[in-house]
Amino acid sequence: MQIKLSEVKIAGPFKVNEYLLGKLMNSLAIDGQKVPVLVNDAMYVMDGRHRVEALRRLNRDTVEVTTTR
């Protein structure tokens, strides 16, 4: 399911791996998002924090997600 990126929340601080983030940004810019971000019912990221951060830095408006239901 595709939702607005602004609806996705990340709980608490997390350390960004800039090397991984750079690789993800390059991949997302070339190939688009291939793996959905896993979120719970409240739209908190369970898996895919770096994907969300990469999409934000690329100024994307939407993100593909799947829920834990």
C-alpha atoms as a PDB file:
ATOM      1  CA  MET A   1       0.000   0.000   0.000  1.00  0.00           C
ATOM      2  CA  GLN A   2       1.314   3.434  -0.837  1.00  0.00           C
ATOM      3  CA  ILE A   3       0.912   6.247   1.676  1.00  0.00           C
ATOM      4  CA  LYS A   4       2.211   9.775   2.159  1.00  0.00           C
ATOM      5  CA  LEU A   5       5.719   9.759   3.564  1.00  0.00           C
ATOM      6  CA  SER A   6       4.647  12.365   6.104  1.00  0.00           C
ATOM      7  CA  GLU A   7       2.297   9.777   7.683  1.00  0.00           C
ATOM      8  CA  VAL A   8       5.171   7.420   8.587  1.00  0.00           C
ATOM      9  CA  LYS A   9       6.669   7.818  12.065  1.00  0.00           C
ATOM     10  CA  ILE A  10       9.993   6.694  13.518  1.00  0.00           C
ATOM     11  CA  ALA A  11       9.986   6.057  17.267  1.00  0.00           C
ATOM     12  CA  GLY A  12      12.873   7.548  19.215  1.00  0.00           C
ATOM     13  CA  PRO A  13      16.266   8.514  17.913  1.00  0.00           C
ATOM     14  CA  PHE A  14      18.190   6.179  15.665  1.00  0.00           C
ATOM     15  CA  LYS A  15      21.735   6.377  14.369  1.00  0.00           C
ATOM     16  CA  VAL A  16      21.863   6.831  10.619  1.00  0.00           C
ATOM     17  CA  ASN A  17      24.525   4.831   8.800  1.00  0.00           C
ATOM     18  CA  GLU A  18      25.528   7.432   6.198  1.00  0.00           C
ATOM     19  CA  TYR A  19      27.309   4.860   4.014  1.00  0.00           C
ATOM     20  CA  LEU A  20      24.214   2.635   3.865  1.00  0.00           C
ATOM     21  CA  LEU A  21      22.011   5.675   3.384  1.00  0.00           C
ATOM     22  CA  GLY A  22      24.080   6.823   0.399  1.00  0.00           C
ATOM     23  CA  LYS A  23      23.809   3.413  -1.242  1.00  0.00           C
ATOM     24  CA  LEU A  24      20.059   3.327  -0.598  1.00  0.00           C
ATOM     25  CA  MET A  25      19.559   6.811  -2.001  1.00  0.00           C
ATOM     26  CA  ASN A  26      21.437   5.852  -5.158  1.00  0.00           C
ATOM     27  CA  SER A  27      19.411   2.654  -5.547  1.00  0.00           C
ATOM     28  CA  LEU A  28      16.095   4.409  -4.891  1.00  0.00           C
ATOM     29  CA  ALA A  29      16.942   7.187  -7.359  1.00  0.00           C
ATOM     30  CA  ILE A  30      17.787   4.671 -10.101  1.00  0.00           C
ATOM     31  CA  ASP A  31      15.446   1.737  -9.469  1.00  0.00           C
ATOM     32  CA  GLY A  32      12.733   3.113  -7.203  1.00  0.00           C
ATOM     33  CA  GLN A  33      11.537   1.466  -4.011  1.00  0.00           C
ATOM     34  CA  LYS A  34      11.572  -2.326  -4.334  1.00  0.00           C
ATOM     35  CA  VAL A  35      11.073  -3.378  -0.697  1.00  0.00           C
ATOM     36  CA  PRO A  36       8.139  -1.987   1.300  1.00  0.00           C
ATOM     37  CA  VAL A  37       8.659  -0.485   4.750  1.00  0.00           C
ATOM     38  CA  LEU A  38       7.060  -2.509   7.554  1.00  0.00           C
ATOM     39  CA  VAL A  39       4.817  -0.379   9.789  1.00  0.00           C
ATOM     40  CA  ASN A  40       2.427  -1.126  12.640  1.00  0.00           C
ATOM     41  CA  ASP A  41      -1.184   0.067  12.836  1.00  0.00           C
ATOM     42  CA  ALA A  42      -0.071   3.445  14.221  1.00  0.00           C
ATOM     43  CA  MET A  43       2.266   3.893  11.193  1.00  0.00           C
ATOM     44  CA  TYR A  44       5.453   3.527  13.245  1.00  0.00           C
ATOM     45  CA  VAL A  45       8.306   1.946  11.278  1.00  0.00           C
ATOM     46  CA  MET A  46       9.118  -1.575  12.435  1.00  0.00           C
ATOM     47  CA  ASP A  47      11.622  -2.267   9.645  1.00  0.00           C
ATOM     48  CA  GLY A  48      12.977   0.180   7.073  1.00  0.00           C
ATOM     49  CA  ARG A  49      14.151   3.257   8.959  1.00  0.00           C
ATOM     50  CA  HIS A  50      16.996   3.891   6.528  1.00  0.00           C
ATOM     51  CA  ARG A  51      14.638   3.507   3.544  1.00  0.00           C
ATOM     52  CA  VAL A  52      12.335   6.126   5.061  1.00  0.00           C
ATOM     53  CA  GLU A  53      15.235   8.505   5.725  1.00  0.00           C
ATOM     54  CA  ALA A  54      16.586   7.996   2.195  1.00  0.00           C
ATOM     55  CA  LEU A  55      13.168   8.731   0.683  1.00  0.00           C
ATOM     56  CA  ARG A  56      12.876  11.880   2.815  1.00  0.00           C
ATOM     57  CA  ARG A  57      16.287  13.110   1.680  1.00  0.00           C
ATOM     58  CA  LEU A  58      15.289  12.437  -1.922  1.00  0.00           C
ATOM     59  CA  ASN A  59      12.211  14.637  -1.331  1.00  0.00           C
ATOM     60  CA  ARG A  60       9.786  11.844  -2.181  1.00  0.00           C
ATOM     61  CA  ASP A  61       6.137  12.293  -1.267  1.00  0.00           C
ATOM     62  CA  THR A  62       5.077   8.664  -0.917  1.00  0.00           C
ATOM     63  CA  VAL A  63       6.368   5.380   0.469  1.00  0.00           C
ATOM     64  CA  GLU A  64       5.328   1.781  -0.127  1.00  0.00           C
ATOM     65  CA  VAL A  65       4.437   0.087   3.162  1.00  0.00           C
ATOM     66  CA  THR A  66       3.087  -3.174   4.475  1.00  0.00           C
ATOM     67  CA  THR A  67       1.510  -3.563   7.904  1.00  0.00           C
ATOM     68  CA  THR A  68       2.146  -6.012  10.718  1.00  0.00           C
ATOM     69  CA  ARG A  69      -1.508  -7.131  10.766  1.00  0.00           C
END
